[in-house]
Amino acid sequence: MQRNAKNQHHWEQMVKLEYSGQSIIANWGNRRTYIVTDIEFGLNPVTMKFDFQGKEICVAEYFKSHYNMVVRNMKQPLFLIKNQDKNFYLPPEFCLIDGVSDEVKKGRGMRDALA
């Protein structure tokens, strides 16, 4: 996808179009399903901090301490998830896409597999 983009801004817009509104499955804990509201390119697992049990903690630290999962790409943007009146942020590397994208559905390989 990135090689088809004209520049960084265009690539970010392409990513937002692809993933905003997409259903994802958390690849940890109880494997809940979430809907991606947006992609936050200005945040990453180190810069996004929040209050957890009275202490400020970043997303990377939270996943390491609570799920023993190490973030490999500290510069990745985060998925924004809105859950009722709260926003929270997930590293895409810990998420699974739920379903098949339209691009894959339209591809020859999918048509051949279903024939």
PDB file of N, CA and C in Angstrom:
ATOM      1  N   MET A   1       0.823  -1.193   0.000  1.00  0.00           N
ATOM      2  CA  MET A   1       0.000   0.000   0.000  1.00  0.00           C
ATOM      3  C   MET A   1       0.867   1.257   0.000  1.00  0.00           C
ATOM      4  N   GLN A   2       1.951   1.234   0.785  1.00  0.00           N
ATOM      5  CA  GLN A   2       2.760   2.444   0.914  1.00  0.00           C
ATOM      6  C   GLN A   2       3.471   2.793  -0.397  1.00  0.00           C
ATOM      7  N   ARG A   3       3.841   1.799  -1.189  1.00  0.00           N
ATOM      8  CA  ARG A   3       4.518   2.147  -2.443  1.00  0.00           C
ATOM      9  C   ARG A   3       3.574   2.762  -3.457  1.00  0.00           C
ATOM     10  N   ASN A   4       2.263   2.598  -3.286  1.00  0.00           N
ATOM     11  CA  ASN A   4       1.285   3.227  -4.178  1.00  0.00           C
ATOM     12  C   ASN A   4       0.968   4.662  -3.776  1.00  0.00           C
ATOM     13  N   ALA A   5       1.441   5.082  -2.613  1.00  0.00           N
ATOM     14  CA  ALA A   5       1.138   6.424  -2.112  1.00  0.00           C
ATOM     15  C   ALA A   5       2.082   7.459  -2.728  1.00  0.00           C
ATOM     16  N   LYS A   6       1.534   8.649  -2.931  1.00  0.00           N
ATOM     17  CA  LYS A   6       2.317   9.757  -3.497  1.00  0.00           C
ATOM     18  C   LYS A   6       3.269  10.362  -2.474  1.00  0.00           C
ATOM     19  N   ASN A   7       2.840  10.387  -1.208  1.00  0.00           N
ATOM     20  CA  ASN A   7       3.643  10.962  -0.134  1.00  0.00           C
ATOM     21  C   ASN A   7       3.124  10.426   1.194  1.00  0.00           C
ATOM     22  N   GLN A   8       3.728  10.848   2.288  1.00  0.00           N
ATOM     23  CA  GLN A   8       3.350  10.355   3.617  1.00  0.00           C
ATOM     24  C   GLN A   8       1.885  10.657   3.944  1.00  0.00           C
ATOM     25  N   HIS A   9       1.438  11.870   3.675  1.00  0.00           N
ATOM     26  CA  HIS A   9       0.050  12.249   3.963  1.00  0.00           C
ATOM     27  C   HIS A   9      -0.924  11.372   3.162  1.00  0.00           C
ATOM     28  N   HIS A  10      -0.620  11.150   1.912  1.00  0.00           N
ATOM     29  CA  HIS A  10      -1.477  10.307   1.074  1.00  0.00           C
ATOM     30  C   HIS A  10      -1.520   8.877   1.620  1.00  0.00           C
ATOM     31  N   TRP A  11      -0.367   8.362   2.041  1.00  0.00           N
ATOM     32  CA  TRP A  11      -0.319   7.019   2.618  1.00  0.00           C
ATOM     33  C   TRP A  11      -1.164   6.940   3.898  1.00  0.00           C
ATOM     34  N   GLU A  12      -1.062   7.941   4.764  1.00  0.00           N
ATOM     35  CA  GLU A  12      -1.848   7.958   5.993  1.00  0.00           C
ATOM     36  C   GLU A  12      -3.342   7.966   5.680  1.00  0.00           C
ATOM     37  N   GLN A  13      -3.744   8.723   4.673  1.00  0.00           N
ATOM     38  CA  GLN A  13      -5.156   8.761   4.282  1.00  0.00           C
ATOM     39  C   GLN A  13      -5.605   7.402   3.756  1.00  0.00           C
ATOM     40  N   MET A  14      -4.743   6.735   2.984  1.00  0.00           N
ATOM     41  CA  MET A  14      -5.068   5.406   2.477  1.00  0.00           C
ATOM     42  C   MET A  14      -5.250   4.405   3.628  1.00  0.00           C
ATOM     43  N   VAL A  15      -4.373   4.477   4.623  1.00  0.00           N
ATOM     44  CA  VAL A  15      -4.458   3.587   5.782  1.00  0.00           C
ATOM     45  C   VAL A  15      -5.744   3.858   6.555  1.00  0.00           C
ATOM     46  N   LYS A  16      -6.067   5.130   6.760  1.00  0.00           N
ATOM     47  CA  LYS A  16      -7.298   5.476   7.479  1.00  0.00           C
ATOM     48  C   LYS A  16      -8.524   4.940   6.748  1.00  0.00           C
ATOM     49  N   LEU A  17      -8.540   5.083   5.436  1.00  0.00           N
ATOM     50  CA  LEU A  17      -9.673   4.561   4.653  1.00  0.00           C
ATOM     51  C   LEU A  17      -9.783   3.045   4.769  1.00  0.00           C
ATOM     52  N   GLU A  18      -8.647   2.381   4.802  1.00  0.00           N
ATOM     53  CA  GLU A  18      -8.627   0.910   4.863  1.00  0.00           C
ATOM     54  C   GLU A  18      -9.079   0.380   6.222  1.00  0.00           C
ATOM     55  N   TYR A  19      -8.652   1.031   7.312  1.00  0.00           N
ATOM     56  CA  TYR A  19      -8.872   0.471   8.644  1.00  0.00           C
ATOM     57  C   TYR A  19      -9.946   1.143   9.479  1.00  0.00           C
ATOM     58  N   SER A  20     -10.292   2.391   9.222  1.00  0.00           N
ATOM     59  CA  SER A  20     -11.356   3.039  10.000  1.00  0.00           C
ATOM     60  C   SER A  20     -12.665   2.308   9.742  1.00  0.00           C
ATOM     61  N   GLY A  21     -13.326   1.943  10.820  1.00  0.00           N
ATOM     62  CA  GLY A  21     -14.579   1.206  10.720  1.00  0.00           C
ATOM     63  C   GLY A  21     -14.388  -0.304  10.647  1.00  0.00           C
ATOM     64  N   GLN A  22     -13.145  -0.751  10.566  1.00  0.00           N
ATOM     65  CA  GLN A  22     -12.829  -2.178  10.460  1.00  0.00           C
ATOM     66  C   GLN A  22     -12.988  -2.871  11.810  1.00  0.00           C
ATOM     67  N   SER A  23     -13.499  -4.063  11.781  1.00  0.00           N
ATOM     68  CA  SER A  23     -13.602  -4.886  12.974  1.00  0.00           C
ATOM     69  C   SER A  23     -12.274  -5.605  13.196  1.00  0.00           C
ATOM     70  N   ILE A  24     -11.763  -5.536  14.423  1.00  0.00           N
ATOM     71  CA  ILE A  24     -10.508  -6.210  14.764  1.00  0.00           C
ATOM     72  C   ILE A  24     -10.730  -7.088  15.981  1.00  0.00           C
ATOM     73  N   ILE A  25      -9.862  -8.061  16.136  1.00  0.00           N
ATOM     74  CA  ILE A  25      -9.912  -8.959  17.288  1.00  0.00           C
ATOM     75  C   ILE A  25      -8.633  -8.759  18.089  1.00  0.00           C
ATOM     76  N   ALA A  26      -8.771  -8.535  19.376  1.00  0.00           N
ATOM     77  CA  ALA A  26      -7.617  -8.392  20.259  1.00  0.00           C
ATOM     78  C   ALA A  26      -6.913  -9.739  20.352  1.00  0.00           C
ATOM     79  N   ASN A  27      -5.627  -9.764  20.101  1.00  0.00           N
ATOM     80  CA  ASN A  27      -4.854 -11.008  20.114  1.00  0.00           C
ATOM     81  C   ASN A  27      -4.211 -11.233  21.490  1.00  0.00           C
ATOM     82  N   TRP A  28      -4.977 -10.999  22.547  1.00  0.00           N
ATOM     83  CA  TRP A  28      -4.536 -11.194  23.925  1.00  0.00           C
ATOM     84  C   TRP A  28      -5.771 -11.346  24.790  1.00  0.00           C
ATOM     85  N   GLY A  29      -5.572 -11.755  26.019  1.00  0.00           N
ATOM     86  CA  GLY A  29      -6.668 -11.833  26.987  1.00  0.00           C
ATOM     87  C   GLY A  29      -7.865 -12.599  26.466  1.00  0.00           C
ATOM     88  N   ASN A  30      -9.047 -11.987  26.574  1.00  0.00           N
ATOM     89  CA  ASN A  30     -10.277 -12.669  26.182  1.00  0.00           C
ATOM     90  C   ASN A  30     -10.625 -12.486  24.703  1.00  0.00           C
ATOM     91  N   ARG A  31      -9.710 -11.930  23.924  1.00  0.00           N
ATOM     92  CA  ARG A  31      -9.846 -11.784  22.470  1.00  0.00           C
ATOM     93  C   ARG A  31     -11.146 -11.073  22.067  1.00  0.00           C
ATOM     94  N   ARG A  32     -11.369  -9.946  22.695  1.00  0.00           N
ATOM     95  CA  ARG A  32     -12.554  -9.142  22.384  1.00  0.00           C
ATOM     96  C   ARG A  32     -12.469  -8.572  20.977  1.00  0.00           C
ATOM     97  N   THR A  33     -13.629  -8.253  20.431  1.00  0.00           N
ATOM     98  CA  THR A  33     -13.724  -7.623  19.122  1.00  0.00           C
ATOM     99  C   THR A  33     -13.996  -6.140  19.315  1.00  0.00           C
ATOM    100  N   TYR A  34     -13.313  -5.318  18.527  1.00  0.00           N
ATOM    101  CA  TYR A  34     -13.460  -3.872  18.588  1.00  0.00           C
ATOM    102  C   TYR A  34     -13.643  -3.329  17.168  1.00  0.00           C
ATOM    103  N   ILE A  35     -14.173  -2.124  17.075  1.00  0.00           N
ATOM    104  CA  ILE A  35     -14.262  -1.411  15.806  1.00  0.00           C
ATOM    105  C   ILE A  35     -13.258  -0.257  15.856  1.00  0.00           C
ATOM    106  N   VAL A  36     -12.403  -0.181  14.846  1.00  0.00           N
ATOM    107  CA  VAL A  36     -11.412   0.894  14.776  1.00  0.00           C
ATOM    108  C   VAL A  36     -12.125   2.186  14.406  1.00  0.00           C
ATOM    109  N   THR A  37     -12.005   3.203  15.243  1.00  0.00           N
ATOM    110  CA  THR A  37     -12.601   4.501  14.983  1.00  0.00           C
ATOM    111  C   THR A  37     -11.705   5.332  14.080  1.00  0.00           C
ATOM    112  N   ASP A  38     -10.390   5.270  14.359  1.00  0.00           N
ATOM    113  CA  ASP A  38      -9.431   6.077  13.597  1.00  0.00           C
ATOM    114  C   ASP A  38      -8.040   5.493  13.821  1.00  0.00           C
ATOM    115  N   ILE A  39      -7.084   5.978  13.069  1.00  0.00           N
ATOM    116  CA  ILE A  39      -5.686   5.633  13.259  1.00  0.00           C
ATOM    117  C   ILE A  39      -4.966   6.908  13.664  1.00  0.00           C
ATOM    118  N   GLU A  40      -4.269   6.860  14.780  1.00  0.00           N
ATOM    119  CA  GLU A  40      -3.581   8.019  15.323  1.00  0.00           C
ATOM    120  C   GLU A  40      -2.099   7.960  14.940  1.00  0.00           C
ATOM    121  N   PHE A  41      -1.730   8.650  13.865  1.00  0.00           N
ATOM    122  CA  PHE A  41      -0.347   8.659  13.396  1.00  0.00           C
ATOM    123  C   PHE A  41       0.547   9.529  14.271  1.00  0.00           C
ATOM    124  N   GLY A  42      -0.028  10.412  15.049  1.00  0.00           N
ATOM    125  CA  GLY A  42       0.761  11.281  15.922  1.00  0.00           C
ATOM    126  C   GLY A  42       1.097  10.641  17.254  1.00  0.00           C
ATOM    127  N   LEU A  43       0.598   9.434  17.486  1.00  0.00           N
ATOM    128  CA  LEU A  43       0.858   8.715  18.729  1.00  0.00           C
ATOM    129  C   LEU A  43       1.511   7.380  18.409  1.00  0.00           C
ATOM    130  N   ASN A  44       2.220   6.841  19.392  1.00  0.00           N
ATOM    131  CA  ASN A  44       2.790   5.505  19.256  1.00  0.00           C
ATOM    132  C   ASN A  44       2.763   4.841  20.639  1.00  0.00           C
ATOM    133  N   PRO A  45       3.162   3.574  20.757  1.00  0.00           N
ATOM    134  CA  PRO A  45       3.066   2.867  22.043  1.00  0.00           C
ATOM    135  C   PRO A  45       3.897   3.468  23.179  1.00  0.00           C
ATOM    136  N   VAL A  46       4.845   4.337  22.863  1.00  0.00           N
ATOM    137  CA  VAL A  46       5.654   4.976  23.905  1.00  0.00           C
ATOM    138  C   VAL A  46       5.098   6.345  24.276  1.00  0.00           C
ATOM    139  N   THR A  47       4.646   7.106  23.291  1.00  0.00           N
ATOM    140  CA  THR A  47       4.173   8.468  23.575  1.00  0.00           C
ATOM    141  C   THR A  47       2.757   8.510  24.145  1.00  0.00           C
ATOM    142  N   MET A  48       1.941   7.487  23.869  1.00  0.00           N
ATOM    143  CA  MET A  48       0.570   7.475  24.395  1.00  0.00           C
ATOM    144  C   MET A  48       0.596   6.958  25.824  1.00  0.00           C
ATOM    145  N   LYS A  49       0.328   7.878  26.753  1.00  0.00           N
ATOM    146  CA  LYS A  49       0.326   7.539  28.174  1.00  0.00           C
ATOM    147  C   LYS A  49      -1.062   7.765  28.750  1.00  0.00           C
ATOM    148  N   PHE A  50      -1.380   7.000  29.774  1.00  0.00           N
ATOM    149  CA  PHE A  50      -2.684   7.113  30.419  1.00  0.00           C
ATOM    150  C   PHE A  50      -2.548   6.754  31.893  1.00  0.00           C
ATOM    151  N   ASP A  51      -3.552   7.112  32.662  1.00  0.00           N
ATOM    152  CA  ASP A  51      -3.556   6.828  34.091  1.00  0.00           C
ATOM    153  C   ASP A  51      -4.092   5.418  34.308  1.00  0.00           C
ATOM    154  N   PHE A  52      -3.310   4.590  34.961  1.00  0.00           N
ATOM    155  CA  PHE A  52      -3.740   3.232  35.293  1.00  0.00           C
ATOM    156  C   PHE A  52      -3.432   2.989  36.761  1.00  0.00           C
ATOM    157  N   GLN A  53      -4.475   2.822  37.548  1.00  0.00           N
ATOM    158  CA  GLN A  53      -4.370   2.584  38.982  1.00  0.00           C
ATOM    159  C   GLN A  53      -3.525   3.658  39.676  1.00  0.00           C
ATOM    160  N   GLY A  54      -3.771   4.920  39.282  1.00  0.00           N
ATOM    161  CA  GLY A  54      -3.103   6.045  39.915  1.00  0.00           C
ATOM    162  C   GLY A  54      -1.692   6.323  39.435  1.00  0.00           C
ATOM    163  N   LYS A  55      -1.245   5.607  38.403  1.00  0.00           N
ATOM    164  CA  LYS A  55       0.111   5.791  37.882  1.00  0.00           C
ATOM    165  C   LYS A  55       0.038   6.025  36.381  1.00  0.00           C
ATOM    166  N   GLU A  56       0.880   6.954  35.886  1.00  0.00           N
ATOM    167  CA  GLU A  56       0.938   7.181  34.446  1.00  0.00           C
ATOM    168  C   GLU A  56       1.784   6.078  33.805  1.00  0.00           C
ATOM    169  N   ILE A  57       1.232   5.463  32.762  1.00  0.00           N
ATOM    170  CA  ILE A  57       1.886   4.346  32.097  1.00  0.00           C
ATOM    171  C   ILE A  57       1.671   4.478  30.593  1.00  0.00           C
ATOM    172  N   CYS A  58       2.645   4.057  29.809  1.00  0.00           N
ATOM    173  CA  CYS A  58       2.475   4.103  28.354  1.00  0.00           C
ATOM    174  C   CYS A  58       1.904   2.769  27.867  1.00  0.00           C
ATOM    175  N   VAL A  59       1.410   2.770  26.664  1.00  0.00           N
ATOM    176  CA  VAL A  59       0.782   1.585  26.085  1.00  0.00           C
ATOM    177  C   VAL A  59       1.758   0.404  26.072  1.00  0.00           C
ATOM    178  N   ALA A  60       3.001   0.638  25.675  1.00  0.00           N
ATOM    179  CA  ALA A  60       4.003  -0.440  25.618  1.00  0.00           C
ATOM    180  C   ALA A  60       4.234  -1.057  27.005  1.00  0.00           C
ATOM    181  N   GLU A  61       4.352  -0.208  28.033  1.00  0.00           N
ATOM    182  CA  GLU A  61       4.549  -0.711  29.397  1.00  0.00           C
ATOM    183  C   GLU A  61       3.334  -1.509  29.863  1.00  0.00           C
ATOM    184  N   TYR A  62       2.149  -1.009  29.549  1.00  0.00           N
ATOM    185  CA  TYR A  62       0.926  -1.691  29.959  1.00  0.00           C
ATOM    186  C   TYR A  62       0.870  -3.108  29.393  1.00  0.00           C
ATOM    187  N   PHE A  63       1.115  -3.256  28.093  1.00  0.00           N
ATOM    188  CA  PHE A  63       1.054  -4.582  27.481  1.00  0.00           C
ATOM    189  C   PHE A  63       2.139  -5.501  28.030  1.00  0.00           C
ATOM    190  N   LYS A  64       3.321  -4.967  28.319  1.00  0.00           N
ATOM    191  CA  LYS A  64       4.405  -5.782  28.874  1.00  0.00           C
ATOM    192  C   LYS A  64       4.053  -6.250  30.273  1.00  0.00           C
ATOM    193  N   SER A  65       3.573  -5.350  31.115  1.00  0.00           N
ATOM    194  CA  SER A  65       3.319  -5.709  32.512  1.00  0.00           C
ATOM    195  C   SER A  65       2.049  -6.535  32.712  1.00  0.00           C
ATOM    196  N   HIS A  66       1.041  -6.342  31.869  1.00  0.00           N
ATOM    197  CA  HIS A  66      -0.228  -7.040  32.081  1.00  0.00           C
ATOM    198  C   HIS A  66      -0.428  -8.277  31.215  1.00  0.00           C
ATOM    199  N   TYR A  67       0.209  -8.337  30.077  1.00  0.00           N
ATOM    200  CA  TYR A  67       0.019  -9.467  29.166  1.00  0.00           C
ATOM    201  C   TYR A  67       1.341 -10.120  28.756  1.00  0.00           C
ATOM    202  N   ASN A  68       2.462  -9.619  29.273  1.00  0.00           N
ATOM    203  CA  ASN A  68       3.795 -10.095  28.913  1.00  0.00           C
ATOM    204  C   ASN A  68       4.005 -10.078  27.393  1.00  0.00           C
ATOM    205  N   MET A  69       3.493  -9.032  26.760  1.00  0.00           N
ATOM    206  CA  MET A  69       3.622  -8.849  25.318  1.00  0.00           C
ATOM    207  C   MET A  69       4.529  -7.651  25.068  1.00  0.00           C
ATOM    208  N   VAL A  70       5.578  -7.864  24.292  1.00  0.00           N
ATOM    209  CA  VAL A  70       6.559  -6.819  24.018  1.00  0.00           C
ATOM    210  C   VAL A  70       6.247  -6.181  22.666  1.00  0.00           C
ATOM    211  N   VAL A  71       6.076  -4.877  22.667  1.00  0.00           N
ATOM    212  CA  VAL A  71       5.859  -4.140  21.426  1.00  0.00           C
ATOM    213  C   VAL A  71       7.170  -4.145  20.647  1.00  0.00           C
ATOM    214  N   ARG A  72       7.115  -4.606  19.416  1.00  0.00           N
ATOM    215  CA  ARG A  72       8.328  -4.681  18.591  1.00  0.00           C
ATOM    216  C   ARG A  72       8.578  -3.391  17.830  1.00  0.00           C
ATOM    217  N   ASN A  73       7.512  -2.747  17.387  1.00  0.00           N
ATOM    218  CA  ASN A  73       7.657  -1.511  16.618  1.00  0.00           C
ATOM    219  C   ASN A  73       7.159  -0.348  17.469  1.00  0.00           C
ATOM    220  N   MET A  74       8.079   0.336  18.094  1.00  0.00           N
ATOM    221  CA  MET A  74       7.717   1.432  18.997  1.00  0.00           C
ATOM    222  C   MET A  74       7.255   2.684  18.245  1.00  0.00           C
ATOM    223  N   LYS A  75       7.419   2.717  16.926  1.00  0.00           N
ATOM    224  CA  LYS A  75       7.017   3.883  16.142  1.00  0.00           C
ATOM    225  C   LYS A  75       5.687   3.687  15.420  1.00  0.00           C
ATOM    226  N   GLN A  76       5.043   2.532  15.594  1.00  0.00           N
ATOM    227  CA  GLN A  76       3.793   2.290  14.888  1.00  0.00           C
ATOM    228  C   GLN A  76       2.688   3.218  15.384  1.00  0.00           C
ATOM    229  N   PRO A  77       1.812   3.666  14.488  1.00  0.00           N
ATOM    230  CA  PRO A  77       0.654   4.451  14.932  1.00  0.00           C
ATOM    231  C   PRO A  77      -0.284   3.540  15.710  1.00  0.00           C
ATOM    232  N   LEU A  78      -1.244   4.113  16.374  1.00  0.00           N
ATOM    233  CA  LEU A  78      -2.171   3.327  17.198  1.00  0.00           C
ATOM    234  C   LEU A  78      -3.582   3.363  16.640  1.00  0.00           C
ATOM    235  N   PHE A  79      -4.284   2.246  16.816  1.00  0.00           N
ATOM    236  CA  PHE A  79      -5.713   2.221  16.512  1.00  0.00           C
ATOM    237  C   PHE A  79      -6.438   2.943  17.641  1.00  0.00           C
ATOM    238  N   LEU A  80      -7.328   3.864  17.288  1.00  0.00           N
ATOM    239  CA  LEU A  80      -8.190   4.521  18.265  1.00  0.00           C
ATOM    240  C   LEU A  80      -9.482   3.726  18.341  1.00  0.00           C
ATOM    241  N   ILE A  81      -9.852   3.334  19.553  1.00  0.00           N
ATOM    242  CA  ILE A  81     -11.087   2.605  19.805  1.00  0.00           C
ATOM    243  C   ILE A  81     -11.927   3.456  20.744  1.00  0.00           C
ATOM    244  N   LYS A  82     -13.173   3.719  20.347  1.00  0.00           N
ATOM    245  CA  LYS A  82     -14.096   4.440  21.227  1.00  0.00           C
ATOM    246  C   LYS A  82     -15.058   3.417  21.802  1.00  0.00           C
ATOM    247  N   ASN A  83     -15.068   3.354  23.119  1.00  0.00           N
ATOM    248  CA  ASN A  83     -15.934   2.408  23.816  1.00  0.00           C
ATOM    249  C   ASN A  83     -16.782   3.197  24.805  1.00  0.00           C
ATOM    250  N   GLN A  84     -18.040   3.391  24.465  1.00  0.00           N
ATOM    251  CA  GLN A  84     -18.949   4.231  25.220  1.00  0.00           C
ATOM    252  C   GLN A  84     -18.370   5.634  25.333  1.00  0.00           C
ATOM    253  N   ASP A  85     -18.025   6.095  26.536  1.00  0.00           N
ATOM    254  CA  ASP A  85     -17.501   7.458  26.687  1.00  0.00           C
ATOM    255  C   ASP A  85     -15.979   7.487  26.842  1.00  0.00           C
ATOM    256  N   LYS A  86     -15.311   6.357  26.593  1.00  0.00           N
ATOM    257  CA  LYS A  86     -13.857   6.296  26.758  1.00  0.00           C
ATOM    258  C   LYS A  86     -13.173   6.029  25.414  1.00  0.00           C
ATOM    259  N   ASN A  87     -11.994   6.595  25.272  1.00  0.00           N
ATOM    260  CA  ASN A  87     -11.126   6.300  24.133  1.00  0.00           C
ATOM    261  C   ASN A  87      -9.958   5.474  24.644  1.00  0.00           C
ATOM    262  N   PHE A  88      -9.578   4.472  23.895  1.00  0.00           N
ATOM    263  CA  PHE A  88      -8.332   3.797  24.203  1.00  0.00           C
ATOM    264  C   PHE A  88      -7.621   3.432  22.916  1.00  0.00           C
ATOM    265  N   TYR A  89      -6.343   3.086  23.058  1.00  0.00           N
ATOM    266  CA  TYR A  89      -5.454   2.962  21.905  1.00  0.00           C
ATOM    267  C   TYR A  89      -4.779   1.598  21.910  1.00  0.00           C
ATOM    268  N   LEU A  90      -4.801   0.952  20.754  1.00  0.00           N
ATOM    269  CA  LEU A  90      -4.219  -0.383  20.633  1.00  0.00           C
ATOM    270  C   LEU A  90      -3.122  -0.409  19.579  1.00  0.00           C
ATOM    271  N   PRO A  91      -2.029  -1.121  19.864  1.00  0.00           N
ATOM    272  CA  PRO A  91      -0.992  -1.296  18.849  1.00  0.00           C
ATOM    273  C   PRO A  91      -1.506  -2.279  17.782  1.00  0.00           C
ATOM    274  N   PRO A  92      -1.482  -1.906  16.524  1.00  0.00           N
ATOM    275  CA  PRO A  92      -1.968  -2.803  15.469  1.00  0.00           C
ATOM    276  C   PRO A  92      -1.282  -4.162  15.459  1.00  0.00           C
ATOM    277  N   GLU A  93      -0.014  -4.232  15.889  1.00  0.00           N
ATOM    278  CA  GLU A  93       0.678  -5.521  15.840  1.00  0.00           C
ATOM    279  C   GLU A  93       0.058  -6.552  16.777  1.00  0.00           C
ATOM    280  N   PHE A  94      -0.761  -6.128  17.718  1.00  0.00           N
ATOM    281  CA  PHE A  94      -1.426  -7.053  18.631  1.00  0.00           C
ATOM    282  C   PHE A  94      -2.881  -7.315  18.239  1.00  0.00           C
ATOM    283  N   CYS A  95      -3.280  -6.887  17.053  1.00  0.00           N
ATOM    284  CA  CYS A  95      -4.667  -7.023  16.611  1.00  0.00           C
ATOM    285  C   CYS A  95      -4.757  -7.877  15.352  1.00  0.00           C
ATOM    286  N   LEU A  96      -5.850  -8.592  15.229  1.00  0.00           N
ATOM    287  CA  LEU A  96      -6.132  -9.386  14.041  1.00  0.00           C
ATOM    288  C   LEU A  96      -7.310  -8.762  13.322  1.00  0.00           C
ATOM    289  N   ILE A  97      -7.242  -8.700  12.017  1.00  0.00           N
ATOM    290  CA  ILE A  97      -8.357  -8.175  11.234  1.00  0.00           C
ATOM    291  C   ILE A  97      -9.461  -9.233  11.221  1.00  0.00           C
ATOM    292  N   ASP A  98     -10.662  -8.817  11.495  1.00  0.00           N
ATOM    293  CA  ASP A  98     -11.816  -9.712  11.519  1.00  0.00           C
ATOM    294  C   ASP A  98     -12.474  -9.683  10.146  1.00  0.00           C
ATOM    295  N   GLY A  99     -12.377 -10.769   9.407  1.00  0.00           N
ATOM    296  CA  GLY A  99     -13.004 -10.825   8.085  1.00  0.00           C
ATOM    297  C   GLY A  99     -11.989 -10.663   6.969  1.00  0.00           C
ATOM    298  N   VAL A 100     -12.501 -10.552   5.774  1.00  0.00           N
ATOM    299  CA  VAL A 100     -11.686 -10.457   4.567  1.00  0.00           C
ATOM    300  C   VAL A 100     -11.942  -9.110   3.913  1.00  0.00           C
ATOM    301  N   SER A 101     -10.866  -8.417   3.513  1.00  0.00           N
ATOM    302  CA  SER A 101     -11.021  -7.098   2.903  1.00  0.00           C
ATOM    303  C   SER A 101     -11.661  -7.210   1.528  1.00  0.00           C
ATOM    304  N   ASP A 102     -12.252  -6.108   1.060  1.00  0.00           N
ATOM    305  CA  ASP A 102     -12.860  -6.081  -0.266  1.00  0.00           C
ATOM    306  C   ASP A 102     -11.836  -6.369  -1.352  1.00  0.00           C
ATOM    307  N   GLU A 103     -10.611  -5.880  -1.160  1.00  0.00           N
ATOM    308  CA  GLU A 103      -9.549  -6.104  -2.157  1.00  0.00           C
ATOM    309  C   GLU A 103      -9.271  -7.597  -2.322  1.00  0.00           C
ATOM    310  N   VAL A 104      -9.217  -8.325  -1.211  1.00  0.00           N
ATOM    311  CA  VAL A 104      -8.983  -9.766  -1.275  1.00  0.00           C
ATOM    312  C   VAL A 104     -10.195 -10.468  -1.883  1.00  0.00           C
ATOM    313  N   LYS A 105     -11.399 -10.052  -1.486  1.00  0.00           N
ATOM    314  CA  LYS A 105     -12.617 -10.674  -2.024  1.00  0.00           C
ATOM    315  C   LYS A 105     -12.690 -10.555  -3.537  1.00  0.00           C
ATOM    316  N   LYS A 106     -12.232  -9.428  -4.076  1.00  0.00           N
ATOM    317  CA  LYS A 106     -12.307  -9.189  -5.516  1.00  0.00           C
ATOM    318  C   LYS A 106     -11.172  -9.856  -6.286  1.00  0.00           C
ATOM    319  N   GLY A 107     -10.146 -10.293  -5.576  1.00  0.00           N
ATOM    320  CA  GLY A 107      -8.969 -10.867  -6.227  1.00  0.00           C
ATOM    321  C   GLY A 107      -9.241 -12.210  -6.866  1.00  0.00           C
ATOM    322  N   ARG A 108      -8.442 -12.526  -7.854  1.00  0.00           N
ATOM    323  CA  ARG A 108      -8.587 -13.774  -8.603  1.00  0.00           C
ATOM    324  C   ARG A 108      -8.426 -14.996  -7.695  1.00  0.00           C
ATOM    325  N   GLY A 109      -7.489 -14.935  -6.781  1.00  0.00           N
ATOM    326  CA  GLY A 109      -7.271 -16.079  -5.888  1.00  0.00           C
ATOM    327  C   GLY A 109      -8.512 -16.454  -5.097  1.00  0.00           C
ATOM    328  N   MET A 110      -9.250 -15.458  -4.618  1.00  0.00           N
ATOM    329  CA  MET A 110     -10.467 -15.738  -3.862  1.00  0.00           C
ATOM    330  C   MET A 110     -11.522 -16.340  -4.771  1.00  0.00           C
ATOM    331  N   ARG A 111     -11.668 -15.782  -5.951  1.00  0.00           N
ATOM    332  CA  ARG A 111     -12.654 -16.319  -6.904  1.00  0.00           C
ATOM    333  C   ARG A 111     -12.322 -17.766  -7.245  1.00  0.00           C
ATOM    334  N   ASP A 112     -11.047 -18.039  -7.488  1.00  0.00           N
ATOM    335  CA  ASP A 112     -10.620 -19.404  -7.808  1.00  0.00           C
ATOM    336  C   ASP A 112     -10.878 -20.363  -6.665  1.00  0.00           C
ATOM    337  N   ALA A 113     -10.633 -19.894  -5.434  1.00  0.00           N
ATOM    338  CA  ALA A 113     -10.835 -20.743  -4.251  1.00  0.00           C
ATOM    339  C   ALA A 113     -12.304 -21.085  -4.043  1.00  0.00           C
ATOM    340  N   LEU A 114     -13.178 -20.172  -4.402  1.00  0.00           N
ATOM    341  CA  LEU A 114     -14.621 -20.395  -4.212  1.00  0.00           C
ATOM    342  C   LEU A 114     -15.269 -21.171  -5.359  1.00  0.00           C
ATOM    343  N   ALA A 115     -14.547 -21.316  -6.478  1.00  0.00           N
ATOM    344  CA  ALA A 115     -15.117 -21.989  -7.658  1.00  0.00           C
ATOM    345  C   ALA A 115     -15.157 -23.485  -7.498  1.00  0.00           C
TER     346      ALA A 115
END
